[in-house]
Amino acid sequence: MTALMNKPPPEALPRKAVLALGLLLVATLLGVAAVRLSGTEIRSPDAPTAAQRSLRFEDGPNGSVLVLDARTGTAIDSVSGEAGFLRGSLRALVRERKMRGIGSGPAFELIARTDGRLTLLDPATGERLDLESFGPTNSAVYRRWLQPSATPSPVSQ
């Protein structure tokens, strides 16, 4: 019985497996750091622009979001209700502006590409949201504002 008490407990994972996982993790981190520091572009290039519109967003009455054509200052839409995707996507871009001390003055650019992609770009910060990544229902929230003939129409979401 004494011999059993002096035996070391079995390891949860073999030492060689833990070492191999650690080396794999370090190699992965070094690879990612090398690509990031090299400045190599890892995104595919954007397709040509099919349509573009400069937009501004303001708080409206009763918690709505007013969508304005930035070139004319005309209200083209009013979004009321929860509008979770709209509010969440704008919140991400506005947070970056606040961190850099940029106000709400500069317009956002809504860009439709010839390959069907839709991008919301903040030229003030260089940040972008590739809206098609969030699915057709969510990107449609923005796509409707590409029509230059869009007229003010209260919309609930």
N, C-alpha and C. Protein backbone atom coordinates (compact mmCIF):
# COMPACT_ATOMS: atom_id res chain seq x y z
N MET A 1 0.82 -1.18 0.00
CA MET A 1 0.00 0.00 0.00
C MET A 1 0.87 1.26 0.00
N THR A 2 2.02 1.21 0.63
CA THR A 2 2.91 2.36 0.67
C THR A 2 3.41 2.71 -0.73
N ALA A 3 3.62 1.73 -1.58
CA ALA A 3 4.11 1.98 -2.93
C ALA A 3 3.07 2.77 -3.74
N LEU A 4 1.80 2.50 -3.53
CA LEU A 4 0.75 3.21 -4.24
C LEU A 4 0.65 4.66 -3.78
N MET A 5 0.93 4.94 -2.54
CA MET A 5 0.84 6.31 -2.02
C MET A 5 1.98 7.18 -2.53
N ASN A 6 3.12 6.60 -2.85
CA ASN A 6 4.27 7.37 -3.30
C ASN A 6 4.24 7.63 -4.81
N LYS A 7 3.32 7.01 -5.53
CA LYS A 7 3.24 7.17 -6.98
C LYS A 7 2.66 8.55 -7.30
N PRO A 8 3.30 9.33 -8.21
CA PRO A 8 2.78 10.66 -8.55
C PRO A 8 1.44 10.54 -9.28
N PRO A 9 0.56 11.53 -9.12
CA PRO A 9 -0.74 11.48 -9.80
C PRO A 9 -0.54 11.58 -11.31
N PRO A 10 -1.44 10.94 -12.07
CA PRO A 10 -1.31 11.02 -13.53
C PRO A 10 -1.57 12.46 -14.01
N GLU A 11 -0.88 12.87 -15.07
CA GLU A 11 -1.06 14.21 -15.63
C GLU A 11 -2.40 14.27 -16.36
N ALA A 12 -3.04 15.43 -16.30
CA ALA A 12 -4.31 15.61 -17.00
C ALA A 12 -4.09 15.52 -18.51
N LEU A 13 -3.05 16.18 -18.98
CA LEU A 13 -2.65 16.11 -20.39
C LEU A 13 -1.17 15.76 -20.44
N PRO A 14 -0.78 14.93 -21.39
CA PRO A 14 0.65 14.63 -21.51
C PRO A 14 1.45 15.90 -21.78
N ARG A 15 2.61 15.98 -21.21
CA ARG A 15 3.47 17.15 -21.32
C ARG A 15 3.78 17.50 -22.78
N LYS A 16 4.00 16.51 -23.62
CA LYS A 16 4.32 16.76 -25.03
C LYS A 16 3.13 17.39 -25.76
N ALA A 17 1.91 16.99 -25.42
CA ALA A 17 0.72 17.56 -26.06
C ALA A 17 0.56 19.03 -25.68
N VAL A 18 0.78 19.35 -24.42
CA VAL A 18 0.68 20.74 -23.96
C VAL A 18 1.75 21.59 -24.64
N LEU A 19 2.95 21.07 -24.77
CA LEU A 19 4.04 21.79 -25.43
C LEU A 19 3.71 22.01 -26.91
N ALA A 20 3.17 21.00 -27.57
CA ALA A 20 2.81 21.13 -28.98
C ALA A 20 1.71 22.18 -29.17
N LEU A 21 0.71 22.19 -28.31
CA LEU A 21 -0.36 23.20 -28.39
C LEU A 21 0.19 24.61 -28.15
N GLY A 22 1.09 24.73 -27.21
CA GLY A 22 1.70 26.02 -26.93
C GLY A 22 2.50 26.53 -28.13
N LEU A 23 3.27 25.65 -28.77
CA LEU A 23 4.05 26.04 -29.95
C LEU A 23 3.13 26.43 -31.11
N LEU A 24 2.03 25.70 -31.28
CA LEU A 24 1.07 26.04 -32.33
C LEU A 24 0.47 27.42 -32.08
N LEU A 25 0.14 27.72 -30.84
CA LEU A 25 -0.42 29.02 -30.49
C LEU A 25 0.58 30.14 -30.77
N VAL A 26 1.82 29.96 -30.37
CA VAL A 26 2.85 30.97 -30.61
C VAL A 26 3.07 31.17 -32.11
N ALA A 27 3.12 30.08 -32.87
CA ALA A 27 3.32 30.19 -34.33
C ALA A 27 2.15 30.94 -34.98
N THR A 28 0.94 30.68 -34.53
CA THR A 28 -0.23 31.36 -35.07
C THR A 28 -0.17 32.85 -34.77
N LEU A 29 0.14 33.20 -33.54
CA LEU A 29 0.24 34.62 -33.17
C LEU A 29 1.34 35.33 -33.95
N LEU A 30 2.47 34.67 -34.14
CA LEU A 30 3.57 35.27 -34.91
C LEU A 30 3.16 35.46 -36.37
N GLY A 31 2.43 34.51 -36.93
CA GLY A 31 1.96 34.62 -38.32
C GLY A 31 1.00 35.78 -38.49
N VAL A 32 0.06 35.91 -37.59
CA VAL A 32 -0.91 37.01 -37.65
C VAL A 32 -0.19 38.35 -37.48
N ALA A 33 0.72 38.43 -36.54
CA ALA A 33 1.47 39.67 -36.32
C ALA A 33 2.29 40.03 -37.56
N ALA A 34 2.90 39.05 -38.21
CA ALA A 34 3.70 39.31 -39.41
C ALA A 34 2.84 39.90 -40.52
N VAL A 35 1.65 39.33 -40.73
CA VAL A 35 0.76 39.84 -41.79
C VAL A 35 0.29 41.24 -41.44
N ARG A 36 -0.11 41.48 -40.20
CA ARG A 36 -0.60 42.80 -39.80
C ARG A 36 0.50 43.86 -39.91
N LEU A 37 1.71 43.53 -39.48
CA LEU A 37 2.79 44.50 -39.50
C LEU A 37 3.32 44.75 -40.91
N SER A 38 3.14 43.80 -41.81
CA SER A 38 3.63 43.97 -43.18
C SER A 38 2.77 44.94 -43.98
N GLY A 39 1.55 45.18 -43.50
CA GLY A 39 0.65 46.07 -44.22
C GLY A 39 -0.03 45.41 -45.40
N THR A 40 0.11 44.13 -45.54
CA THR A 40 -0.51 43.40 -46.64
C THR A 40 -2.03 43.48 -46.52
N GLU A 41 -2.69 43.83 -47.61
CA GLU A 41 -4.15 43.91 -47.63
C GLU A 41 -4.71 42.50 -47.73
N ILE A 42 -5.54 42.12 -46.76
CA ILE A 42 -6.08 40.77 -46.76
C ILE A 42 -7.53 40.73 -47.24
N ARG A 43 -8.12 41.91 -47.47
CA ARG A 43 -9.46 41.96 -48.03
C ARG A 43 -9.37 41.93 -49.55
N SER A 44 -10.39 41.39 -50.18
CA SER A 44 -10.43 41.46 -51.64
C SER A 44 -10.79 42.89 -52.03
N PRO A 45 -10.30 43.35 -53.17
CA PRO A 45 -10.57 44.73 -53.56
C PRO A 45 -12.06 44.97 -53.79
N ASP A 46 -12.49 46.20 -53.55
CA ASP A 46 -13.89 46.55 -53.75
C ASP A 46 -14.21 46.60 -55.24
N ALA A 47 -15.42 46.16 -55.58
CA ALA A 47 -15.92 46.29 -56.95
C ALA A 47 -16.22 47.76 -57.21
N PRO A 48 -16.34 48.15 -58.47
CA PRO A 48 -16.67 49.55 -58.77
C PRO A 48 -18.00 49.97 -58.14
N THR A 49 -18.12 51.26 -57.91
CA THR A 49 -19.32 51.83 -57.30
C THR A 49 -20.46 51.87 -58.30
N ALA A 50 -21.62 51.35 -57.90
CA ALA A 50 -22.81 51.40 -58.75
C ALA A 50 -23.69 52.59 -58.35
N ALA A 51 -23.76 52.87 -57.06
CA ALA A 51 -24.55 54.00 -56.56
C ALA A 51 -23.95 54.44 -55.23
N GLN A 52 -24.11 55.72 -54.92
CA GLN A 52 -23.54 56.25 -53.68
C GLN A 52 -24.40 57.41 -53.20
N ARG A 53 -24.51 57.52 -51.87
CA ARG A 53 -25.26 58.63 -51.30
C ARG A 53 -24.66 59.02 -49.96
N SER A 54 -24.53 60.31 -49.75
CA SER A 54 -24.04 60.84 -48.47
C SER A 54 -25.23 61.01 -47.55
N LEU A 55 -25.12 60.44 -46.35
CA LEU A 55 -26.22 60.48 -45.38
C LEU A 55 -25.76 61.01 -44.04
N ARG A 56 -26.67 61.67 -43.36
CA ARG A 56 -26.47 62.06 -41.96
C ARG A 56 -27.63 61.50 -41.17
N PHE A 57 -27.38 61.21 -39.93
CA PHE A 57 -28.41 60.64 -39.05
C PHE A 57 -28.52 61.52 -37.82
N GLU A 58 -29.75 61.87 -37.46
CA GLU A 58 -29.99 62.71 -36.29
C GLU A 58 -31.09 62.10 -35.44
N ASP A 59 -31.06 62.43 -34.16
CA ASP A 59 -32.14 62.02 -33.28
C ASP A 59 -33.37 62.83 -33.63
N GLY A 60 -34.49 62.13 -33.78
CA GLY A 60 -35.74 62.78 -34.11
C GLY A 60 -36.67 62.80 -32.91
N PRO A 61 -37.88 63.29 -33.11
CA PRO A 61 -38.85 63.32 -32.02
C PRO A 61 -39.26 61.91 -31.61
N ASN A 62 -39.59 61.77 -30.35
CA ASN A 62 -40.07 60.50 -29.80
C ASN A 62 -39.10 59.34 -30.01
N GLY A 63 -37.81 59.63 -30.02
CA GLY A 63 -36.81 58.57 -30.12
C GLY A 63 -36.58 58.04 -31.52
N SER A 64 -37.12 58.69 -32.53
CA SER A 64 -36.91 58.22 -33.90
C SER A 64 -35.52 58.65 -34.38
N VAL A 65 -35.10 58.07 -35.51
CA VAL A 65 -33.85 58.44 -36.15
C VAL A 65 -34.20 59.09 -37.48
N LEU A 66 -33.76 60.33 -37.66
CA LEU A 66 -33.99 61.02 -38.93
C LEU A 66 -32.82 60.72 -39.86
N VAL A 67 -33.16 60.38 -41.09
CA VAL A 67 -32.15 60.11 -42.11
C VAL A 67 -32.19 61.29 -43.08
N LEU A 68 -31.04 61.97 -43.23
CA LEU A 68 -30.96 63.16 -44.05
C LEU A 68 -30.02 62.95 -45.22
N ASP A 69 -30.39 63.48 -46.38
CA ASP A 69 -29.47 63.53 -47.50
C ASP A 69 -28.46 64.61 -47.15
N ALA A 70 -27.19 64.26 -47.01
CA ALA A 70 -26.18 65.20 -46.52
C ALA A 70 -25.91 66.33 -47.51
N ARG A 71 -26.14 66.10 -48.78
CA ARG A 71 -25.86 67.14 -49.78
C ARG A 71 -26.92 68.23 -49.77
N THR A 72 -28.18 67.83 -49.56
CA THR A 72 -29.27 68.80 -49.62
C THR A 72 -29.80 69.18 -48.25
N GLY A 73 -29.52 68.35 -47.24
CA GLY A 73 -30.05 68.58 -45.90
C GLY A 73 -31.50 68.15 -45.76
N THR A 74 -32.05 67.54 -46.80
CA THR A 74 -33.44 67.11 -46.81
C THR A 74 -33.62 65.81 -46.04
N ALA A 75 -34.65 65.75 -45.21
CA ALA A 75 -34.98 64.50 -44.53
C ALA A 75 -35.57 63.55 -45.55
N ILE A 76 -34.98 62.33 -45.65
CA ILE A 76 -35.50 61.35 -46.61
C ILE A 76 -36.23 60.21 -45.92
N ASP A 77 -36.09 60.10 -44.61
CA ASP A 77 -36.77 59.03 -43.89
C ASP A 77 -36.75 59.33 -42.40
N SER A 78 -37.66 58.69 -41.70
CA SER A 78 -37.70 58.75 -40.26
C SER A 78 -37.96 57.33 -39.78
N VAL A 79 -37.04 56.80 -39.01
CA VAL A 79 -37.16 55.42 -38.55
C VAL A 79 -37.51 55.45 -37.07
N SER A 80 -38.66 54.89 -36.75
CA SER A 80 -39.08 54.84 -35.35
C SER A 80 -39.17 53.40 -34.91
N GLY A 81 -39.40 53.22 -33.64
CA GLY A 81 -39.45 51.86 -33.11
C GLY A 81 -38.07 51.38 -32.72
N GLU A 82 -37.95 50.09 -32.54
CA GLU A 82 -36.68 49.54 -32.06
C GLU A 82 -35.54 49.72 -33.06
N ALA A 83 -35.74 49.32 -34.32
CA ALA A 83 -34.73 49.48 -35.38
C ALA A 83 -33.35 49.03 -34.90
N GLY A 84 -33.29 47.83 -34.37
CA GLY A 84 -32.08 47.33 -33.73
C GLY A 84 -30.85 47.34 -34.61
N PHE A 85 -30.97 46.89 -35.86
CA PHE A 85 -29.78 46.84 -36.72
C PHE A 85 -29.30 48.24 -37.06
N LEU A 86 -30.21 49.12 -37.40
CA LEU A 86 -29.83 50.51 -37.73
C LEU A 86 -29.12 51.16 -36.54
N ARG A 87 -29.74 51.09 -35.39
CA ARG A 87 -29.17 51.73 -34.20
C ARG A 87 -27.83 51.09 -33.81
N GLY A 88 -27.75 49.78 -33.88
CA GLY A 88 -26.51 49.09 -33.51
C GLY A 88 -25.37 49.41 -34.45
N SER A 89 -25.64 49.43 -35.74
CA SER A 89 -24.58 49.71 -36.70
C SER A 89 -24.10 51.15 -36.59
N LEU A 90 -25.03 52.07 -36.41
CA LEU A 90 -24.63 53.47 -36.24
C LEU A 90 -23.88 53.68 -34.93
N ARG A 91 -24.31 52.98 -33.89
CA ARG A 91 -23.64 53.10 -32.59
C ARG A 91 -22.16 52.73 -32.70
N ALA A 92 -21.87 51.69 -33.47
CA ALA A 92 -20.47 51.26 -33.64
C ALA A 92 -19.63 52.34 -34.31
N LEU A 93 -20.18 52.99 -35.33
CA LEU A 93 -19.44 54.04 -36.03
C LEU A 93 -19.33 55.31 -35.19
N VAL A 94 -20.38 55.66 -34.49
CA VAL A 94 -20.37 56.86 -33.65
C VAL A 94 -19.40 56.70 -32.48
N ARG A 95 -19.31 55.51 -31.94
CA ARG A 95 -18.38 55.26 -30.83
C ARG A 95 -16.94 55.55 -31.28
N GLU A 96 -16.61 55.13 -32.50
CA GLU A 96 -15.26 55.40 -33.03
C GLU A 96 -15.04 56.90 -33.20
N ARG A 97 -16.05 57.62 -33.64
CA ARG A 97 -15.93 59.08 -33.77
C ARG A 97 -15.69 59.73 -32.40
N LYS A 98 -16.43 59.28 -31.40
CA LYS A 98 -16.28 59.86 -30.07
C LYS A 98 -14.88 59.61 -29.53
N MET A 99 -14.35 58.42 -29.77
CA MET A 99 -12.99 58.10 -29.29
C MET A 99 -11.95 59.01 -29.94
N ARG A 100 -12.23 59.49 -31.14
CA ARG A 100 -11.28 60.35 -31.86
C ARG A 100 -11.62 61.83 -31.74
N GLY A 101 -12.69 62.14 -30.99
CA GLY A 101 -13.07 63.53 -30.79
C GLY A 101 -13.72 64.16 -32.01
N ILE A 102 -14.37 63.36 -32.84
CA ILE A 102 -15.04 63.86 -34.04
C ILE A 102 -16.53 63.97 -33.74
N GLY A 103 -17.11 65.08 -34.09
CA GLY A 103 -18.53 65.29 -33.84
C GLY A 103 -19.41 64.60 -34.87
N SER A 104 -20.68 64.95 -34.87
CA SER A 104 -21.65 64.31 -35.77
C SER A 104 -21.77 65.02 -37.11
N GLY A 105 -20.97 66.05 -37.34
CA GLY A 105 -21.08 66.83 -38.57
C GLY A 105 -20.78 66.09 -39.85
N PRO A 106 -19.65 65.37 -39.96
CA PRO A 106 -19.32 64.72 -41.23
C PRO A 106 -20.36 63.66 -41.62
N ALA A 107 -20.63 63.58 -42.90
CA ALA A 107 -21.62 62.62 -43.41
C ALA A 107 -21.01 61.23 -43.53
N PHE A 108 -21.88 60.23 -43.54
CA PHE A 108 -21.50 58.85 -43.84
C PHE A 108 -21.76 58.63 -45.32
N GLU A 109 -21.02 57.72 -45.92
CA GLU A 109 -21.22 57.38 -47.33
C GLU A 109 -21.81 55.99 -47.43
N LEU A 110 -22.94 55.89 -48.09
CA LEU A 110 -23.57 54.60 -48.36
C LEU A 110 -23.23 54.25 -49.80
N ILE A 111 -22.54 53.13 -49.99
CA ILE A 111 -22.01 52.78 -51.30
C ILE A 111 -22.49 51.40 -51.72
N ALA A 112 -23.16 51.34 -52.87
CA ALA A 112 -23.55 50.07 -53.47
C ALA A 112 -22.51 49.73 -54.54
N ARG A 113 -22.07 48.49 -54.56
CA ARG A 113 -21.06 48.03 -55.51
C ARG A 113 -21.72 47.24 -56.64
N THR A 114 -21.02 47.15 -57.76
CA THR A 114 -21.56 46.42 -58.91
C THR A 114 -21.70 44.93 -58.63
N ASP A 115 -21.00 44.42 -57.63
CA ASP A 115 -21.12 42.99 -57.29
C ASP A 115 -22.22 42.73 -56.26
N GLY A 116 -23.02 43.76 -55.93
CA GLY A 116 -24.13 43.59 -55.00
C GLY A 116 -23.79 43.91 -53.55
N ARG A 117 -22.54 44.18 -53.27
CA ARG A 117 -22.16 44.49 -51.89
C ARG A 117 -22.60 45.91 -51.54
N LEU A 118 -22.81 46.12 -50.24
CA LEU A 118 -23.27 47.41 -49.74
C LEU A 118 -22.39 47.80 -48.55
N THR A 119 -21.83 49.00 -48.60
CA THR A 119 -20.90 49.45 -47.58
C THR A 119 -21.36 50.77 -46.99
N LEU A 120 -21.30 50.87 -45.66
CA LEU A 120 -21.51 52.14 -44.98
C LEU A 120 -20.13 52.59 -44.51
N LEU A 121 -19.65 53.68 -45.06
CA LEU A 121 -18.29 54.17 -44.81
C LEU A 121 -18.35 55.47 -44.03
N ASP A 122 -17.48 55.58 -43.05
CA ASP A 122 -17.34 56.84 -42.32
C ASP A 122 -16.01 57.46 -42.75
N PRO A 123 -16.04 58.41 -43.71
CA PRO A 123 -14.80 59.02 -44.19
C PRO A 123 -14.02 59.75 -43.09
N ALA A 124 -14.70 60.17 -42.03
CA ALA A 124 -14.04 60.90 -40.95
C ALA A 124 -13.08 60.01 -40.17
N THR A 125 -13.39 58.72 -40.08
CA THR A 125 -12.55 57.80 -39.30
C THR A 125 -11.91 56.71 -40.16
N GLY A 126 -12.45 56.50 -41.37
CA GLY A 126 -11.97 55.40 -42.20
C GLY A 126 -12.63 54.07 -41.88
N GLU A 127 -13.51 54.07 -40.87
CA GLU A 127 -14.21 52.83 -40.49
C GLU A 127 -15.28 52.52 -41.53
N ARG A 128 -15.55 51.22 -41.70
CA ARG A 128 -16.55 50.79 -42.66
C ARG A 128 -17.31 49.59 -42.14
N LEU A 129 -18.55 49.49 -42.57
CA LEU A 129 -19.37 48.31 -42.28
C LEU A 129 -19.78 47.72 -43.62
N ASP A 130 -19.43 46.47 -43.86
CA ASP A 130 -19.87 45.77 -45.06
C ASP A 130 -21.24 45.18 -44.72
N LEU A 131 -22.28 45.90 -45.10
CA LEU A 131 -23.64 45.61 -44.64
C LEU A 131 -24.19 44.29 -45.15
N GLU A 132 -23.76 43.84 -46.32
CA GLU A 132 -24.27 42.57 -46.84
C GLU A 132 -23.86 41.40 -45.96
N SER A 133 -22.85 41.60 -45.14
CA SER A 133 -22.40 40.55 -44.22
C SER A 133 -23.46 40.24 -43.16
N PHE A 134 -24.38 41.15 -42.95
CA PHE A 134 -25.41 40.97 -41.93
C PHE A 134 -26.71 40.41 -42.49
N GLY A 135 -26.70 40.03 -43.76
CA GLY A 135 -27.87 39.41 -44.38
C GLY A 135 -28.72 40.40 -45.15
N PRO A 136 -29.55 39.87 -46.06
CA PRO A 136 -30.33 40.75 -46.93
C PRO A 136 -31.38 41.58 -46.21
N THR A 137 -31.96 41.07 -45.15
CA THR A 137 -32.98 41.84 -44.42
C THR A 137 -32.36 43.06 -43.77
N ASN A 138 -31.20 42.87 -43.13
CA ASN A 138 -30.55 44.00 -42.47
C ASN A 138 -29.97 44.99 -43.48
N SER A 139 -29.35 44.51 -44.56
CA SER A 139 -28.78 45.45 -45.53
C SER A 139 -29.88 46.23 -46.25
N ALA A 140 -31.09 45.65 -46.35
CA ALA A 140 -32.21 46.35 -46.99
C ALA A 140 -32.60 47.61 -46.22
N VAL A 141 -32.33 47.63 -44.91
CA VAL A 141 -32.61 48.82 -44.11
C VAL A 141 -31.88 50.01 -44.71
N TYR A 142 -30.66 49.82 -45.18
CA TYR A 142 -29.87 50.91 -45.76
C TYR A 142 -30.08 51.03 -47.27
N ARG A 143 -30.25 49.91 -47.95
CA ARG A 143 -30.31 49.91 -49.42
C ARG A 143 -31.42 50.84 -49.94
N ARG A 144 -32.53 50.94 -49.22
CA ARG A 144 -33.65 51.77 -49.69
C ARG A 144 -33.27 53.25 -49.79
N TRP A 145 -32.24 53.67 -49.10
CA TRP A 145 -31.85 55.09 -49.12
C TRP A 145 -30.92 55.44 -50.26
N LEU A 146 -30.61 54.49 -51.10
CA LEU A 146 -29.76 54.77 -52.26
C LEU A 146 -30.54 55.45 -53.38
N GLN A 147 -31.84 55.34 -53.35
CA GLN A 147 -32.67 55.95 -54.40
C GLN A 147 -32.67 57.46 -54.21
N PRO A 148 -32.16 58.21 -55.18
CA PRO A 148 -32.13 59.67 -55.03
C PRO A 148 -33.53 60.26 -54.92
N SER A 149 -34.53 59.54 -55.38
CA SER A 149 -35.89 60.06 -55.31
C SER A 149 -36.59 59.71 -53.99
N ALA A 150 -35.83 59.15 -53.06
CA ALA A 150 -36.45 58.80 -51.76
C ALA A 150 -37.01 60.05 -51.13
N THR A 151 -38.23 59.95 -50.70
CA THR A 151 -38.90 61.10 -50.09
C THR A 151 -39.19 60.81 -48.63
N PRO A 152 -39.40 61.82 -47.84
CA PRO A 152 -39.68 61.58 -46.43
C PRO A 152 -40.89 60.67 -46.25
N SER A 153 -40.68 59.62 -45.50
CA SER A 153 -41.78 58.72 -45.20
C SER A 153 -41.52 58.03 -43.87
N PRO A 154 -42.33 58.34 -42.86
CA PRO A 154 -42.12 57.70 -41.58
C PRO A 154 -42.22 56.18 -41.71
N VAL A 155 -41.24 55.48 -41.18
CA VAL A 155 -41.18 54.03 -41.26
C VAL A 155 -41.00 53.48 -39.88
N SER A 156 -41.78 52.52 -39.49
CA SER A 156 -41.62 51.86 -38.20
C SER A 156 -40.91 50.55 -38.41
N GLN A 157 -40.00 50.24 -37.49
CA GLN A 157 -39.30 48.96 -37.55
C GLN A 157 -39.23 48.36 -36.21
